[in-house]
Amino acid sequence: MEKAVELGGDKDGLEDCLDAGTHSKKVDTQMARGTQLFGVTGTPGNVLINNETGEYEVLSGAYPTASFEQIIDRLK
């Protein structure tokens, strides 16, 4: 939360959203799909997908931007 506020997020709005569980269902659904379809078992877990070819690559863990750029270039 601190980082979001530091970057300009509305602290009260974020707290209200978390307390109300506004996006809980969407998060739970995406987590389940990530596990079932791609084997993602932790956070951060990222799936980079080429929507045209269907090729994908799973990137589990915290990586620098350059790692994502390399995968995106490879999937083009």
PDB file of N, CA and C in Angstrom:
ATOM      1  N   MET A   1       0.820  -1.182   0.000  1.00  0.00           N
ATOM      2  CA  MET A   1       0.000   0.000   0.000  1.00  0.00           C
ATOM      3  C   MET A   1       0.868   1.251   0.000  1.00  0.00           C
ATOM      4  N   GLU A   2       1.951   1.220   0.777  1.00  0.00           N
ATOM      5  CA  GLU A   2       2.827   2.399   0.853  1.00  0.00           C
ATOM      6  C   GLU A   2       3.322   2.825  -0.517  1.00  0.00           C
ATOM      7  N   LYS A   3       3.759   1.858  -1.308  1.00  0.00           N
ATOM      8  CA  LYS A   3       4.310   2.178  -2.628  1.00  0.00           C
ATOM      9  C   LYS A   3       3.230   2.760  -3.536  1.00  0.00           C
ATOM     10  N   ALA A   4       2.020   2.198  -3.467  1.00  0.00           N
ATOM     11  CA  ALA A   4       0.926   2.712  -4.288  1.00  0.00           C
ATOM     12  C   ALA A   4       0.625   4.165  -3.941  1.00  0.00           C
ATOM     13  N   VAL A   5       0.603   4.474  -2.670  1.00  0.00           N
ATOM     14  CA  VAL A   5       0.346   5.850  -2.235  1.00  0.00           C
ATOM     15  C   VAL A   5       1.505   6.752  -2.650  1.00  0.00           C
ATOM     16  N   GLU A   6       2.725   6.239  -2.494  1.00  0.00           N
ATOM     17  CA  GLU A   6       3.912   7.001  -2.894  1.00  0.00           C
ATOM     18  C   GLU A   6       3.863   7.351  -4.377  1.00  0.00           C
ATOM     19  N   LEU A   7       3.288   6.460  -5.178  1.00  0.00           N
ATOM     20  CA  LEU A   7       3.194   6.682  -6.619  1.00  0.00           C
ATOM     21  C   LEU A   7       1.935   7.460  -7.023  1.00  0.00           C
ATOM     22  N   GLY A   8       1.183   7.933  -6.015  1.00  0.00           N
ATOM     23  CA  GLY A   8       0.039   8.790  -6.321  1.00  0.00           C
ATOM     24  C   GLY A   8      -1.309   8.153  -6.089  1.00  0.00           C
ATOM     25  N   GLY A   9      -1.345   6.929  -5.584  1.00  0.00           N
ATOM     26  CA  GLY A   9      -2.620   6.262  -5.324  1.00  0.00           C
ATOM     27  C   GLY A   9      -3.363   6.902  -4.165  1.00  0.00           C
ATOM     28  N   ASP A  10      -4.668   6.815  -4.203  1.00  0.00           N
ATOM     29  CA  ASP A  10      -5.528   7.359  -3.160  1.00  0.00           C
ATOM     30  C   ASP A  10      -5.613   6.357  -2.015  1.00  0.00           C
ATOM     31  N   LYS A  11      -4.972   6.658  -0.904  1.00  0.00           N
ATOM     32  CA  LYS A  11      -4.887   5.718   0.220  1.00  0.00           C
ATOM     33  C   LYS A  11      -6.274   5.300   0.712  1.00  0.00           C
ATOM     34  N   ASP A  12      -7.165   6.248   0.914  1.00  0.00           N
ATOM     35  CA  ASP A  12      -8.500   5.913   1.412  1.00  0.00           C
ATOM     36  C   ASP A  12      -9.262   5.050   0.407  1.00  0.00           C
ATOM     37  N   GLY A  13      -9.142   5.385  -0.858  1.00  0.00           N
ATOM     38  CA  GLY A  13      -9.811   4.601  -1.901  1.00  0.00           C
ATOM     39  C   GLY A  13      -9.269   3.180  -1.978  1.00  0.00           C
ATOM     40  N   LEU A  14      -7.946   3.042  -1.865  1.00  0.00           N
ATOM     41  CA  LEU A  14      -7.335   1.712  -1.886  1.00  0.00           C
ATOM     42  C   LEU A  14      -7.765   0.888  -0.681  1.00  0.00           C
ATOM     43  N   GLU A  15      -7.778   1.510   0.492  1.00  0.00           N
ATOM     44  CA  GLU A  15      -8.207   0.807   1.700  1.00  0.00           C
ATOM     45  C   GLU A  15      -9.658   0.370   1.597  1.00  0.00           C
ATOM     46  N   ASP A  16     -10.529   1.257   1.085  1.00  0.00           N
ATOM     47  CA  ASP A  16     -11.939   0.910   0.903  1.00  0.00           C
ATOM     48  C   ASP A  16     -12.088  -0.274  -0.043  1.00  0.00           C
ATOM     49  N   CYS A  17     -11.316  -0.251  -1.130  1.00  0.00           N
ATOM     50  CA  CYS A  17     -11.369  -1.331  -2.125  1.00  0.00           C
ATOM     51  C   CYS A  17     -10.943  -2.655  -1.493  1.00  0.00           C
ATOM     52  N   LEU A  18      -9.858  -2.635  -0.745  1.00  0.00           N
ATOM     53  CA  LEU A  18      -9.371  -3.854  -0.093  1.00  0.00           C
ATOM     54  C   LEU A  18     -10.353  -4.349   0.960  1.00  0.00           C
ATOM     55  N   ASP A  19     -10.861  -3.447   1.766  1.00  0.00           N
ATOM     56  CA  ASP A  19     -11.803  -3.829   2.821  1.00  0.00           C
ATOM     57  C   ASP A  19     -13.091  -4.414   2.249  1.00  0.00           C
ATOM     58  N   ALA A  20     -13.553  -3.876   1.131  1.00  0.00           N
ATOM     59  CA  ALA A  20     -14.799  -4.343   0.513  1.00  0.00           C
ATOM     60  C   ALA A  20     -14.600  -5.600  -0.321  1.00  0.00           C
ATOM     61  N   GLY A  21     -13.342  -5.925  -0.631  1.00  0.00           N
ATOM     62  CA  GLY A  21     -13.083  -7.092  -1.471  1.00  0.00           C
ATOM     63  C   GLY A  21     -13.579  -6.897  -2.896  1.00  0.00           C
ATOM     64  N   THR A  22     -13.540  -5.661  -3.357  1.00  0.00           N
ATOM     65  CA  THR A  22     -14.079  -5.286  -4.666  1.00  0.00           C
ATOM     66  C   THR A  22     -13.580  -6.178  -5.803  1.00  0.00           C
ATOM     67  N   HIS A  23     -12.320  -6.538  -5.789  1.00  0.00           N
ATOM     68  CA  HIS A  23     -11.757  -7.315  -6.891  1.00  0.00           C
ATOM     69  C   HIS A  23     -11.338  -8.723  -6.479  1.00  0.00           C
ATOM     70  N   SER A  24     -11.788  -9.162  -5.318  1.00  0.00           N
ATOM     71  CA  SER A  24     -11.382 -10.475  -4.802  1.00  0.00           C
ATOM     72  C   SER A  24     -11.734 -11.614  -5.747  1.00  0.00           C
ATOM     73  N   LYS A  25     -12.937 -11.594  -6.287  1.00  0.00           N
ATOM     74  CA  LYS A  25     -13.374 -12.681  -7.172  1.00  0.00           C
ATOM     75  C   LYS A  25     -12.495 -12.741  -8.423  1.00  0.00           C
ATOM     76  N   LYS A  26     -12.197 -11.584  -9.008  1.00  0.00           N
ATOM     77  CA  LYS A  26     -11.365 -11.540 -10.206  1.00  0.00           C
ATOM     78  C   LYS A  26      -9.961 -12.055  -9.898  1.00  0.00           C
ATOM     79  N   VAL A  27      -9.403 -11.635  -8.770  1.00  0.00           N
ATOM     80  CA  VAL A  27      -8.064 -12.077  -8.382  1.00  0.00           C
ATOM     81  C   VAL A  27      -8.055 -13.586  -8.164  1.00  0.00           C
ATOM     82  N   ASP A  28      -9.048 -14.094  -7.442  1.00  0.00           N
ATOM     83  CA  ASP A  28      -9.126 -15.536  -7.182  1.00  0.00           C
ATOM     84  C   ASP A  28      -9.246 -16.335  -8.479  1.00  0.00           C
ATOM     85  N   THR A  29     -10.058 -15.840  -9.405  1.00  0.00           N
ATOM     86  CA  THR A  29     -10.245 -16.517 -10.702  1.00  0.00           C
ATOM     87  C   THR A  29      -8.943 -16.530 -11.495  1.00  0.00           C
ATOM     88  N   GLN A  30      -8.248 -15.398 -11.531  1.00  0.00           N
ATOM     89  CA  GLN A  30      -6.995 -15.330 -12.273  1.00  0.00           C
ATOM     90  C   GLN A  30      -5.924 -16.202 -11.633  1.00  0.00           C
ATOM     91  N   MET A  31      -5.898 -16.256 -10.324  1.00  0.00           N
ATOM     92  CA  MET A  31      -4.920 -17.115  -9.640  1.00  0.00           C
ATOM     93  C   MET A  31      -5.193 -18.588  -9.959  1.00  0.00           C
ATOM     94  N   ALA A  32      -6.460 -18.984  -9.925  1.00  0.00           N
ATOM     95  CA  ALA A  32      -6.817 -20.374 -10.224  1.00  0.00           C
ATOM     96  C   ALA A  32      -6.465 -20.723 -11.667  1.00  0.00           C
ATOM     97  N   ARG A  33      -6.751 -19.838 -12.597  1.00  0.00           N
ATOM     98  CA  ARG A  33      -6.424 -20.083 -14.010  1.00  0.00           C
ATOM     99  C   ARG A  33      -4.912 -20.186 -14.202  1.00  0.00           C
ATOM    100  N   GLY A  34      -4.170 -19.318 -13.538  1.00  0.00           N
ATOM    101  CA  GLY A  34      -2.713 -19.362 -13.649  1.00  0.00           C
ATOM    102  C   GLY A  34      -2.154 -20.688 -13.167  1.00  0.00           C
ATOM    103  N   THR A  35      -2.722 -21.204 -12.098  1.00  0.00           N
ATOM    104  CA  THR A  35      -2.274 -22.490 -11.560  1.00  0.00           C
ATOM    105  C   THR A  35      -2.689 -23.638 -12.472  1.00  0.00           C
ATOM    106  N   GLN A  36      -3.949 -23.666 -12.851  1.00  0.00           N
ATOM    107  CA  GLN A  36      -4.485 -24.768 -13.652  1.00  0.00           C
ATOM    108  C   GLN A  36      -3.906 -24.818 -15.063  1.00  0.00           C
ATOM    109  N   LEU A  37      -3.821 -23.683 -15.709  1.00  0.00           N
ATOM    110  CA  LEU A  37      -3.400 -23.662 -17.111  1.00  0.00           C
ATOM    111  C   LEU A  37      -1.891 -23.590 -17.305  1.00  0.00           C
ATOM    112  N   PHE A  38      -1.207 -22.919 -16.378  1.00  0.00           N
ATOM    113  CA  PHE A  38       0.207 -22.637 -16.609  1.00  0.00           C
ATOM    114  C   PHE A  38       1.133 -23.114 -15.490  1.00  0.00           C
ATOM    115  N   GLY A  39       0.586 -23.664 -14.435  1.00  0.00           N
ATOM    116  CA  GLY A  39       1.412 -24.172 -13.352  1.00  0.00           C
ATOM    117  C   GLY A  39       2.016 -23.109 -12.452  1.00  0.00           C
ATOM    118  N   VAL A  40       1.471 -21.906 -12.480  1.00  0.00           N
ATOM    119  CA  VAL A  40       1.967 -20.844 -11.618  1.00  0.00           C
ATOM    120  C   VAL A  40       1.582 -21.190 -10.180  1.00  0.00           C
ATOM    121  N   THR A  41       2.567 -21.202  -9.283  1.00  0.00           N
ATOM    122  CA  THR A  41       2.291 -21.608  -7.913  1.00  0.00           C
ATOM    123  C   THR A  41       2.645 -20.547  -6.879  1.00  0.00           C
ATOM    124  N   GLY A  42       3.103 -19.402  -7.306  1.00  0.00           N
ATOM    125  CA  GLY A  42       3.470 -18.370  -6.345  1.00  0.00           C
ATOM    126  C   GLY A  42       3.443 -17.007  -6.976  1.00  0.00           C
ATOM    127  N   THR A  43       3.822 -16.030  -6.183  1.00  0.00           N
ATOM    128  CA  THR A  43       3.872 -14.670  -6.686  1.00  0.00           C
ATOM    129  C   THR A  43       5.290 -14.132  -6.530  1.00  0.00           C
ATOM    130  N   PRO A  44       5.726 -13.314  -7.458  1.00  0.00           N
ATOM    131  CA  PRO A  44       4.997 -12.999  -8.668  1.00  0.00           C
ATOM    132  C   PRO A  44       5.080 -14.141  -9.677  1.00  0.00           C
ATOM    133  N   GLY A  45       4.002 -14.345 -10.372  1.00  0.00           N
ATOM    134  CA  GLY A  45       3.954 -15.331 -11.443  1.00  0.00           C
ATOM    135  C   GLY A  45       3.372 -14.655 -12.672  1.00  0.00           C
ATOM    136  N   ASN A  46       4.103 -14.653 -13.744  1.00  0.00           N
ATOM    137  CA  ASN A  46       3.686 -13.952 -14.955  1.00  0.00           C
ATOM    138  C   ASN A  46       3.630 -14.911 -16.128  1.00  0.00           C
ATOM    139  N   VAL A  47       2.599 -14.766 -16.943  1.00  0.00           N
ATOM    140  CA  VAL A  47       2.470 -15.557 -18.153  1.00  0.00           C
ATOM    141  C   VAL A  47       2.436 -14.573 -19.317  1.00  0.00           C
ATOM    142  N   LEU A  48       3.423 -14.672 -20.185  1.00  0.00           N
ATOM    143  CA  LEU A  48       3.489 -13.817 -21.366  1.00  0.00           C
ATOM    144  C   LEU A  48       2.990 -14.645 -22.539  1.00  0.00           C
ATOM    145  N   ILE A  49       1.948 -14.152 -23.201  1.00  0.00           N
ATOM    146  CA  ILE A  49       1.274 -14.923 -24.250  1.00  0.00           C
ATOM    147  C   ILE A  49       1.266 -14.142 -25.549  1.00  0.00           C
ATOM    148  N   ASN A  50       1.632 -14.834 -26.645  1.00  0.00           N
ATOM    149  CA  ASN A  50       1.458 -14.281 -27.981  1.00  0.00           C
ATOM    150  C   ASN A  50       0.049 -14.689 -28.401  1.00  0.00           C
ATOM    151  N   ASN A  51      -0.864 -13.741 -28.426  1.00  0.00           N
ATOM    152  CA  ASN A  51      -2.260 -14.043 -28.729  1.00  0.00           C
ATOM    153  C   ASN A  51      -2.484 -14.517 -30.158  1.00  0.00           C
ATOM    154  N   GLU A  52      -1.552 -14.255 -31.036  1.00  0.00           N
ATOM    155  CA  GLU A  52      -1.690 -14.685 -32.422  1.00  0.00           C
ATOM    156  C   GLU A  52      -1.266 -16.135 -32.614  1.00  0.00           C
ATOM    157  N   THR A  53      -0.191 -16.551 -31.938  1.00  0.00           N
ATOM    158  CA  THR A  53       0.328 -17.905 -32.137  1.00  0.00           C
ATOM    159  C   THR A  53      -0.050 -18.866 -31.015  1.00  0.00           C
ATOM    160  N   GLY A  54      -0.438 -18.312 -29.873  1.00  0.00           N
ATOM    161  CA  GLY A  54      -0.747 -19.149 -28.724  1.00  0.00           C
ATOM    162  C   GLY A  54       0.479 -19.544 -27.917  1.00  0.00           C
ATOM    163  N   GLU A  55       1.662 -19.190 -28.411  1.00  0.00           N
ATOM    164  CA  GLU A  55       2.884 -19.490 -27.660  1.00  0.00           C
ATOM    165  C   GLU A  55       2.884 -18.682 -26.373  1.00  0.00           C
ATOM    166  N   TYR A  56       3.453 -19.269 -25.332  1.00  0.00           N
ATOM    167  CA  TYR A  56       3.531 -18.554 -24.066  1.00  0.00           C
ATOM    168  C   TYR A  56       4.783 -18.970 -23.310  1.00  0.00           C
ATOM    169  N   GLU A  57       5.130 -18.156 -22.348  1.00  0.00           N
ATOM    170  CA  GLU A  57       6.233 -18.480 -21.456  1.00  0.00           C
ATOM    171  C   GLU A  57       5.863 -17.999 -20.058  1.00  0.00           C
ATOM    172  N   VAL A  58       6.131 -18.852 -19.087  1.00  0.00           N
ATOM    173  CA  VAL A  58       5.865 -18.526 -17.691  1.00  0.00           C
ATOM    174  C   VAL A  58       7.147 -17.982 -17.071  1.00  0.00           C
ATOM    175  N   LEU A  59       7.016 -16.900 -16.366  1.00  0.00           N
ATOM    176  CA  LEU A  59       8.153 -16.289 -15.682  1.00  0.00           C
ATOM    177  C   LEU A  59       7.771 -16.196 -14.205  1.00  0.00           C
ATOM    178  N   SER A  60       8.320 -17.108 -13.411  1.00  0.00           N
ATOM    179  CA  SER A  60       8.008 -17.142 -11.980  1.00  0.00           C
ATOM    180  C   SER A  60       9.128 -16.475 -11.202  1.00  0.00           C
ATOM    181  N   GLY A  61       8.761 -15.534 -10.386  1.00  0.00           N
ATOM    182  CA  GLY A  61       9.739 -14.823  -9.587  1.00  0.00           C
ATOM    183  C   GLY A  61       9.867 -13.380 -10.030  1.00  0.00           C
ATOM    184  N   ALA A  62      10.692 -12.658  -9.306  1.00  0.00           N
ATOM    185  CA  ALA A  62      10.911 -11.243  -9.605  1.00  0.00           C
ATOM    186  C   ALA A  62      12.088 -11.101 -10.556  1.00  0.00           C
ATOM    187  N   TYR A  63      11.831 -10.516 -11.700  1.00  0.00           N
ATOM    188  CA  TYR A  63      12.856 -10.337 -12.719  1.00  0.00           C
ATOM    189  C   TYR A  63      12.883  -8.898 -13.187  1.00  0.00           C
ATOM    190  N   PRO A  64      14.018  -8.444 -13.702  1.00  0.00           N
ATOM    191  CA  PRO A  64      14.097  -7.076 -14.226  1.00  0.00           C
ATOM    192  C   PRO A  64      13.346  -6.962 -15.554  1.00  0.00           C
ATOM    193  N   THR A  65      13.064  -5.754 -15.918  1.00  0.00           N
ATOM    194  CA  THR A  65      12.342  -5.461 -17.160  1.00  0.00           C
ATOM    195  C   THR A  65      13.003  -6.118 -18.361  1.00  0.00           C
ATOM    196  N   ALA A  66      14.310  -6.161 -18.391  1.00  0.00           N
ATOM    197  CA  ALA A  66      15.037  -6.735 -19.531  1.00  0.00           C
ATOM    198  C   ALA A  66      14.644  -8.195 -19.758  1.00  0.00           C
ATOM    199  N   SER A  67      14.364  -8.926 -18.708  1.00  0.00           N
ATOM    200  CA  SER A  67      13.955 -10.331 -18.854  1.00  0.00           C
ATOM    201  C   SER A  67      12.623 -10.429 -19.586  1.00  0.00           C
ATOM    202  N   PHE A  68      11.695  -9.547 -19.249  1.00  0.00           N
ATOM    203  CA  PHE A  68      10.396  -9.532 -19.921  1.00  0.00           C
ATOM    204  C   PHE A  68      10.564  -9.133 -21.389  1.00  0.00           C
ATOM    205  N   GLU A  69      11.424  -8.160 -21.634  1.00  0.00           N
ATOM    206  CA  GLU A  69      11.653  -7.708 -23.006  1.00  0.00           C
ATOM    207  C   GLU A  69      12.222  -8.829 -23.869  1.00  0.00           C
ATOM    208  N   GLN A  70      13.136  -9.620 -23.324  1.00  0.00           N
ATOM    209  CA  GLN A  70      13.718 -10.741 -24.075  1.00  0.00           C
ATOM    210  C   GLN A  70      12.654 -11.771 -24.431  1.00  0.00           C
ATOM    211  N   ILE A  71      11.784 -12.076 -23.487  1.00  0.00           N
ATOM    212  CA  ILE A  71      10.722 -13.049 -23.751  1.00  0.00           C
ATOM    213  C   ILE A  71       9.752 -12.509 -24.780  1.00  0.00           C
ATOM    214  N   ILE A  72       9.375 -11.257 -24.645  1.00  0.00           N
ATOM    215  CA  ILE A  72       8.462 -10.645 -25.616  1.00  0.00           C
ATOM    216  C   ILE A  72       9.061 -10.672 -27.008  1.00  0.00           C
ATOM    217  N   ASP A  73      10.330 -10.340 -27.131  1.00  0.00           N
ATOM    218  CA  ASP A  73      10.989 -10.391 -28.439  1.00  0.00           C
ATOM    219  C   ASP A  73      11.009 -11.808 -28.997  1.00  0.00           C
ATOM    220  N   ARG A  74      11.227 -12.792 -28.152  1.00  0.00           N
ATOM    221  CA  ARG A  74      11.264 -14.182 -28.582  1.00  0.00           C
ATOM    222  C   ARG A  74       9.883 -14.690 -29.031  1.00  0.00           C
ATOM    223  N   LEU A  75       8.842 -14.180 -28.413  1.00  0.00           N
ATOM    224  CA  LEU A  75       7.478 -14.622 -28.726  1.00  0.00           C
ATOM    225  C   LEU A  75       6.864 -13.891 -29.917  1.00  0.00           C
ATOM    226  N   LYS A  76       7.547 -12.882 -30.438  1.00  0.00           N
ATOM    227  CA  LYS A  76       6.994 -12.113 -31.570  1.00  0.00           C
ATOM    228  C   LYS A  76       6.883 -12.971 -32.798  1.00  0.00           C
TER     229      LYS A  76
END
